[in-house]
Amino acid sequence: MGARTTIHDVARAAGVSVSTVSKAVNGRYGIADATVQRVLDAVKALGYESSLVASSMRARRTGVIGVLLADFEPFSAEILKGVGTAVHDTAFDLLAYSGSHLGAGDGWERRSLSRLSGTLIDAAILVTPTVVSAGTEIPVVAIDPHTGRADLPTVESDSFGGALAATTHLIGLGHRRIGFLAGRPDLRSAGLRDAGYRRALADAGIGLDPSLIGIGRYELDATRESARVMLSATDRPTAIFAANDLSAIAVIDVAHELGLRVPADLSVIGFDDVPEATRRALPLTTIQQPMRRLGAVAAEMVFTLLSGQAIDEMNVILPTRLVVRATTAPPSR
């Protein structure tokens, strides 16, 4: 049996580019009728009818929703579960695609969309995208975009309110020296968690101490280093709020390495409520954001767009809630 025919084979046979093949089989504007016919003739001659491209030629749909993300980590894994649940009882399949390997920095989403839109997917959900202008003809919804609201429909959690609740919880227990392990400076949700922390201190009349703020960037090594510096100080904090759960878990590990007991000597609270938060010997107190619901709402918005209807609310913010477990307690000193 010969090699399977690809879109590149069709492009060569028709004497056009791959993007022209995509546009021709998907009925896009800007392609001459003669060129479209030449592409369709090549599709037929090469026996390409069973491919996703040929299926889209007949139905103008691939029947696939794409979820584009920078990496497969706990947050995006929960998002995928939510999208999967929403897609389960529909006629659509789900494609999870990590395109950050196409080049570091901003814009990996656009490169991924240019590869996938029209030929493999009918619509896309972008998870924590660096750009908020898709530049594509297919419906696109963004979850937790770096820069916040945009010209795309977006879904995010109430990061400010969650951080306010986390810090207020620690203050209510009697803590006054409260550290904060910040997330990625380029991510708007991380900035909102920083702002919520600061607001809670201000509302309680507690002065901001810059030495109690470390930058973890959601990276293990950076988080551990910041936590070690903070917890090795003579006037160390009695509590730390970390901008995500994995950072909070890293803080607990560093505290144990330094001989500190959690929560007797140090209270720790995270943000997300990923599955790892409950798998530790000490279940983590955290701010639960509805990660699966984020994915489900984004999928529902995509379905609305695919049906040709307008979305009622372009920028959806879902509530967060405090979940108290075993890693927070009143200070012992």
Protein backbone atom coordinates (compact mmCIF):
# COMPACT_ATOMS: atom_id res chain seq x y z
CA MET A 1 0.00 0.00 0.00
CA GLY A 2 1.40 3.39 -0.95
CA ALA A 3 1.91 6.32 1.39
CA ARG A 4 -1.20 8.20 2.44
CA THR A 5 -1.98 11.25 0.34
CA THR A 6 -1.38 14.52 2.16
CA ILE A 7 -2.44 18.11 1.63
CA HIS A 8 1.09 18.78 0.34
CA ASP A 9 0.54 16.19 -2.41
CA VAL A 10 -2.67 17.96 -3.41
CA ALA A 11 -0.87 21.31 -3.47
CA ARG A 12 1.90 19.95 -5.73
CA ALA A 13 -0.56 18.27 -8.08
CA ALA A 14 -2.63 21.44 -8.41
CA GLY A 15 0.41 23.70 -8.65
CA VAL A 16 -0.68 25.87 -5.69
CA SER A 17 0.34 26.48 -2.09
CA VAL A 18 -0.93 24.48 0.88
CA SER A 19 -2.81 27.54 2.14
CA THR A 20 -4.54 27.83 -1.24
CA VAL A 21 -5.65 24.19 -0.97
CA SER A 22 -7.05 24.93 2.49
CA LYS A 23 -8.95 27.97 1.27
CA ALA A 24 -10.24 26.19 -1.81
CA VAL A 25 -11.66 23.16 -0.01
CA ASN A 26 -13.18 25.31 2.73
CA GLY A 27 -14.92 27.72 0.36
CA ARG A 28 -12.95 30.80 1.45
CA TYR A 29 -13.06 34.04 -0.49
CA GLY A 30 -10.21 35.31 -2.66
CA ILE A 31 -9.59 32.16 -4.70
CA ALA A 32 -10.36 32.14 -8.41
CA ASP A 33 -12.98 29.64 -9.54
CA ALA A 34 -10.50 28.01 -11.93
CA THR A 35 -8.02 27.53 -9.08
CA VAL A 36 -10.70 26.02 -6.84
CA GLN A 37 -11.66 23.58 -9.58
CA ARG A 38 -8.03 22.63 -10.14
CA VAL A 39 -7.62 21.88 -6.44
CA LEU A 40 -10.83 19.84 -6.31
CA ASP A 41 -9.75 17.88 -9.38
CA ALA A 42 -6.44 17.09 -7.66
CA VAL A 43 -8.27 16.01 -4.51
CA LYS A 44 -10.41 13.61 -6.53
CA ALA A 45 -7.55 12.30 -8.66
CA LEU A 46 -5.38 11.55 -5.63
CA GLY A 47 -8.14 9.77 -3.75
CA TYR A 48 -8.13 12.27 -0.94
CA GLU A 49 -11.86 12.04 -0.22
CA SER A 50 -11.44 10.26 3.10
CA SER A 51 -9.23 12.98 4.61
CA LEU A 52 -10.38 15.70 6.96
CA VAL A 53 -9.74 18.27 4.23
CA ALA A 54 -11.96 16.47 1.76
CA SER A 55 -14.64 16.01 4.41
CA SER A 56 -14.57 19.72 5.05
CA MET A 57 -14.91 20.27 1.29
CA ARG A 58 -18.20 18.39 1.32
CA ALA A 59 -19.59 19.63 4.64
CA ARG A 60 -17.61 22.87 5.08
CA ARG A 61 -16.75 21.43 8.51
CA THR A 62 -14.05 19.16 9.92
CA GLY A 63 -16.09 18.31 13.01
CA VAL A 64 -13.12 19.08 15.26
CA ILE A 65 -12.68 21.67 18.04
CA GLY A 66 -9.06 22.53 18.78
CA VAL A 67 -7.70 23.41 22.21
CA LEU A 68 -4.38 25.20 21.78
CA LEU A 69 -2.10 25.52 24.79
CA ALA A 70 1.50 26.29 25.60
CA ASP A 71 2.06 23.23 27.76
CA PHE A 72 0.29 20.24 29.26
CA GLU A 73 0.37 21.10 33.00
CA PRO A 74 -2.26 20.66 35.78
CA PHE A 75 -4.20 23.84 34.98
CA SER A 76 -4.50 23.14 31.26
CA ALA A 77 -5.23 19.46 31.95
CA GLU A 78 -8.28 20.46 34.00
CA ILE A 79 -9.34 22.89 31.27
CA LEU A 80 -9.18 20.04 28.75
CA LYS A 81 -11.38 17.87 30.94
CA GLY A 82 -13.99 20.61 31.02
CA VAL A 83 -13.92 21.06 27.25
CA GLY A 84 -14.06 17.30 26.79
CA THR A 85 -17.17 17.03 28.92
CA ALA A 86 -18.90 19.77 26.93
CA VAL A 87 -17.94 18.19 23.61
CA HIS A 88 -18.81 14.63 24.67
CA ASP A 89 -22.46 14.62 23.65
CA THR A 90 -21.99 16.64 20.45
CA ALA A 91 -20.97 15.68 16.95
CA PHE A 92 -17.53 17.26 17.44
CA ASP A 93 -14.20 15.65 18.19
CA LEU A 94 -11.54 17.32 20.35
CA LEU A 95 -7.95 18.03 19.33
CA ALA A 96 -5.47 19.17 22.02
CA TYR A 97 -2.45 20.86 20.48
CA SER A 98 0.64 22.37 22.07
CA GLY A 99 2.19 24.79 19.63
CA SER A 100 4.70 26.69 21.76
CA HIS A 101 7.49 24.64 20.17
CA LEU A 102 6.92 26.65 17.01
CA GLY A 103 8.85 29.51 18.57
CA ALA A 104 9.36 31.12 21.94
CA GLY A 105 7.67 34.33 22.95
CA ASP A 106 4.45 35.96 21.88
CA GLY A 107 2.47 34.75 18.92
CA TRP A 108 2.69 30.95 19.12
CA GLU A 109 -1.09 30.85 18.96
CA ARG A 110 -1.22 32.58 15.60
CA ARG A 111 1.32 30.16 14.19
CA SER A 112 -0.67 27.23 15.52
CA LEU A 113 -3.94 28.60 14.17
CA SER A 114 -2.42 29.10 10.73
CA ARG A 115 -1.49 25.41 10.71
CA LEU A 116 -4.78 24.07 11.94
CA SER A 117 -7.65 26.39 11.04
CA GLY A 118 -9.85 25.29 8.20
CA THR A 119 -8.01 22.07 7.43
CA LEU A 120 -8.08 20.35 10.84
CA ILE A 121 -10.33 22.37 13.14
CA ASP A 122 -13.57 24.32 12.85
CA ALA A 123 -12.94 26.47 15.93
CA ALA A 124 -10.29 26.97 18.57
CA ILE A 125 -10.02 27.52 22.31
CA LEU A 126 -6.78 29.24 23.32
CA VAL A 127 -5.52 28.58 26.86
CA THR A 128 -3.57 31.51 28.43
CA PRO A 129 -2.70 32.96 25.02
CA THR A 130 -0.02 35.62 24.63
CA VAL A 131 -2.02 37.40 21.93
CA VAL A 132 -5.67 38.38 21.91
CA SER A 133 -6.22 39.03 18.22
CA ALA A 134 -6.46 35.73 16.42
CA GLY A 135 -6.34 36.90 12.82
CA THR A 136 -8.27 33.85 11.62
CA GLU A 137 -11.64 33.20 10.04
CA ILE A 138 -12.66 30.39 12.39
CA PRO A 139 -14.36 31.10 15.75
CA VAL A 140 -11.83 31.52 18.57
CA VAL A 141 -12.37 31.83 22.34
CA ALA A 142 -9.56 32.61 24.81
CA ILE A 143 -9.26 31.29 28.38
CA ASP A 144 -7.25 33.41 30.84
CA PRO A 145 -5.50 35.53 28.17
CA HIS A 146 -2.23 37.19 29.16
CA THR A 147 -3.52 40.71 28.57
CA GLY A 148 -7.09 40.22 29.71
CA ARG A 149 -10.13 41.28 27.75
CA ALA A 150 -9.69 41.58 24.03
CA ASP A 151 -11.45 41.55 20.69
CA LEU A 152 -11.94 37.81 21.21
CA PRO A 153 -14.55 36.26 23.50
CA THR A 154 -12.75 35.45 26.77
CA VAL A 155 -13.38 33.36 29.89
CA GLU A 156 -11.43 33.76 33.12
CA SER A 157 -11.71 33.31 36.88
CA ASP A 158 -11.97 36.11 39.43
CA SER A 159 -8.27 36.22 40.27
CA PHE A 160 -8.48 39.51 42.17
CA GLY A 161 -11.39 38.36 44.32
CA GLY A 162 -9.73 35.02 44.99
CA ALA A 163 -6.46 36.61 46.09
CA LEU A 164 -8.38 39.05 48.28
CA ALA A 165 -10.16 36.11 49.94
CA ALA A 166 -6.91 34.15 50.39
CA THR A 167 -5.09 37.00 52.11
CA THR A 168 -8.14 37.98 54.15
CA HIS A 169 -8.36 34.37 55.39
CA LEU A 170 -4.78 34.57 56.67
CA ILE A 171 -5.41 37.95 58.27
CA GLY A 172 -8.53 36.58 59.95
CA LEU A 173 -6.42 33.82 61.52
CA GLY A 174 -4.24 36.49 63.10
CA HIS A 175 -1.32 36.65 60.66
CA ARG A 176 0.29 40.03 60.07
CA ARG A 177 3.55 39.09 58.33
CA ILE A 178 2.13 37.52 55.20
CA GLY A 179 4.39 36.68 52.28
CA PHE A 180 3.33 36.50 48.65
CA LEU A 181 4.90 34.31 45.96
CA ALA A 182 3.88 35.97 42.70
CA GLY A 183 3.31 34.26 39.37
CA ARG A 184 4.37 35.24 35.87
CA PRO A 185 4.68 39.03 35.50
CA ASP A 186 3.36 38.87 31.91
CA LEU A 187 0.12 37.12 32.87
CA ARG A 188 -2.77 39.41 33.72
CA SER A 189 -4.38 36.94 36.13
CA ALA A 190 -1.11 36.76 38.08
CA GLY A 191 -1.08 40.55 38.31
CA LEU A 192 -4.64 40.52 39.63
CA ARG A 193 -3.64 38.06 42.36
CA ASP A 194 -0.85 40.43 43.35
CA ALA A 195 -3.36 43.28 43.44
CA GLY A 196 -5.80 41.26 45.56
CA TYR A 197 -3.04 40.49 48.07
CA ARG A 198 -2.12 44.17 48.35
CA ARG A 199 -5.75 45.26 48.69
CA ALA A 200 -6.39 42.83 51.55
CA LEU A 201 -3.37 44.14 53.45
CA ALA A 202 -4.42 47.74 52.86
CA ASP A 203 -8.00 47.05 53.94
CA ALA A 204 -6.66 45.54 57.19
CA GLY A 205 -4.30 48.44 57.82
CA ILE A 206 -1.20 46.27 57.35
CA GLY A 207 1.75 48.00 55.71
CA LEU A 208 3.24 46.45 52.58
CA ASP A 209 6.71 44.99 53.19
CA PRO A 210 8.58 44.48 49.87
CA SER A 211 10.80 41.85 51.50
CA LEU A 212 7.73 39.64 51.83
CA ILE A 213 7.09 39.56 48.09
CA GLY A 214 8.95 37.01 45.95
CA ILE A 215 8.66 36.23 42.26
CA GLY A 216 8.07 32.56 41.54
CA ARG A 217 6.91 32.90 37.91
CA TYR A 218 5.08 29.56 38.35
CA GLU A 219 8.50 27.94 37.94
CA LEU A 220 9.70 25.42 40.52
CA ASP A 221 13.31 26.61 40.84
CA ALA A 222 12.40 30.30 41.05
CA THR A 223 9.67 29.58 43.58
CA ARG A 224 11.92 27.47 45.79
CA GLU A 225 14.66 30.10 45.74
CA SER A 226 12.26 32.94 46.63
CA ALA A 227 10.68 30.84 49.38
CA ARG A 228 14.07 29.89 50.83
CA VAL A 229 15.18 33.54 51.00
CA MET A 230 11.93 34.61 52.61
CA LEU A 231 11.81 31.79 55.16
CA SER A 232 15.49 32.08 56.11
CA ALA A 233 15.10 35.68 57.27
CA THR A 234 15.11 36.41 61.01
CA ASP A 235 11.76 38.19 60.66
CA ARG A 236 10.30 35.56 58.34
CA PRO A 237 6.59 35.55 57.50
CA THR A 238 4.16 33.46 59.52
CA ALA A 239 2.08 32.80 56.41
CA ILE A 240 2.59 32.74 52.63
CA PHE A 241 0.06 33.08 49.85
CA ALA A 242 1.37 31.50 46.63
CA ALA A 243 -0.16 32.49 43.30
CA ASN A 244 -0.81 28.88 42.31
CA ASP A 245 -1.00 25.50 43.99
CA LEU A 246 2.23 24.06 42.61
CA SER A 247 4.08 27.08 43.98
CA ALA A 248 2.36 26.62 47.35
CA ILE A 249 3.43 22.97 47.44
CA ALA A 250 7.00 24.03 46.67
CA VAL A 251 6.85 26.51 49.57
CA ILE A 252 5.75 23.73 51.92
CA ASP A 253 8.63 21.53 50.78
CA VAL A 254 11.14 24.33 51.41
CA ALA A 255 9.61 25.03 54.83
CA HIS A 256 10.05 21.37 55.80
CA GLU A 257 13.65 21.42 54.57
CA LEU A 258 14.27 24.40 56.87
CA GLY A 259 12.75 22.62 59.85
CA LEU A 260 9.51 24.60 59.88
CA ARG A 261 6.20 22.92 60.64
CA VAL A 262 3.14 23.58 58.49
CA PRO A 263 0.82 25.01 59.68
CA ALA A 264 2.20 25.41 63.25
CA ASP A 265 5.16 27.57 62.17
CA LEU A 266 3.98 28.61 58.72
CA SER A 267 0.56 28.75 57.10
CA VAL A 268 0.43 28.28 53.34
CA ILE A 269 -2.40 28.90 50.90
CA GLY A 270 -2.43 28.37 47.14
CA PHE A 271 -4.64 29.16 44.15
CA ASP A 272 -6.30 26.82 41.59
CA ASP A 273 -7.27 23.66 43.52
CA VAL A 274 -5.55 21.28 41.12
CA PRO A 275 -5.80 17.55 41.98
CA GLU A 276 -2.32 17.64 43.55
CA ALA A 277 -3.67 19.96 46.27
CA THR A 278 -5.47 17.06 47.97
CA ARG A 279 -2.88 14.34 47.36
CA ARG A 280 -0.39 15.55 49.94
CA ALA A 281 -0.07 14.37 53.53
CA LEU A 282 -1.36 17.84 54.42
CA PRO A 283 -4.16 18.77 52.01
CA LEU A 284 -3.63 22.32 50.78
CA THR A 285 -5.81 25.27 51.72
CA THR A 286 -6.42 27.06 48.43
CA ILE A 287 -8.59 29.27 46.30
CA GLN A 288 -10.61 27.07 43.99
CA GLN A 289 -11.09 28.38 40.51
CA PRO A 290 -13.57 26.42 38.37
CA MET A 291 -11.03 25.16 35.84
CA ARG A 292 -13.27 22.55 34.25
CA ARG A 293 -16.09 25.07 34.13
CA LEU A 294 -13.74 27.49 32.34
CA GLY A 295 -13.27 24.87 29.64
CA ALA A 296 -16.96 24.04 29.44
CA VAL A 297 -18.03 27.69 29.17
CA ALA A 298 -15.44 28.30 26.46
CA ALA A 299 -16.77 25.30 24.54
CA GLU A 300 -20.34 26.55 24.88
CA MET A 301 -19.26 29.92 23.47
CA VAL A 302 -17.58 28.15 20.54
CA PHE A 303 -20.75 26.18 19.80
CA THR A 304 -22.75 29.41 19.81
CA LEU A 305 -20.36 31.02 17.34
CA LEU A 306 -20.39 27.95 15.09
CA SER A 307 -24.17 28.09 14.98
CA GLY A 308 -23.97 31.63 13.64
CA GLN A 309 -25.42 33.24 16.75
CA ALA A 310 -24.02 36.17 18.70
CA ILE A 311 -22.55 35.65 22.17
CA ASP A 312 -24.50 37.43 24.91
CA GLU A 313 -21.43 38.17 27.05
CA MET A 314 -18.04 38.58 25.39
CA ASN A 315 -15.98 38.56 28.59
CA VAL A 316 -17.08 36.02 31.20
CA ILE A 317 -15.58 36.06 34.71
CA LEU A 318 -16.35 33.02 36.86
CA PRO A 319 -16.29 33.20 40.67
CA THR A 320 -13.63 31.61 42.86
CA ARG A 321 -14.02 30.30 46.40
CA LEU A 322 -11.89 29.66 49.47
CA VAL A 323 -11.35 26.00 50.37
CA VAL A 324 -9.92 25.62 53.88
CA ARG A 325 -7.92 22.46 54.49
CA ALA A 326 -4.91 21.57 56.65
CA THR A 327 -2.17 24.06 55.77
CA THR A 328 -3.50 27.21 57.46
CA ALA A 329 -3.89 27.95 61.18
CA PRO A 330 -3.42 30.85 63.61
CA PRO A 331 0.22 31.89 64.08
CA SER A 332 2.07 30.27 66.99
CA ARG A 333 4.20 33.32 67.67
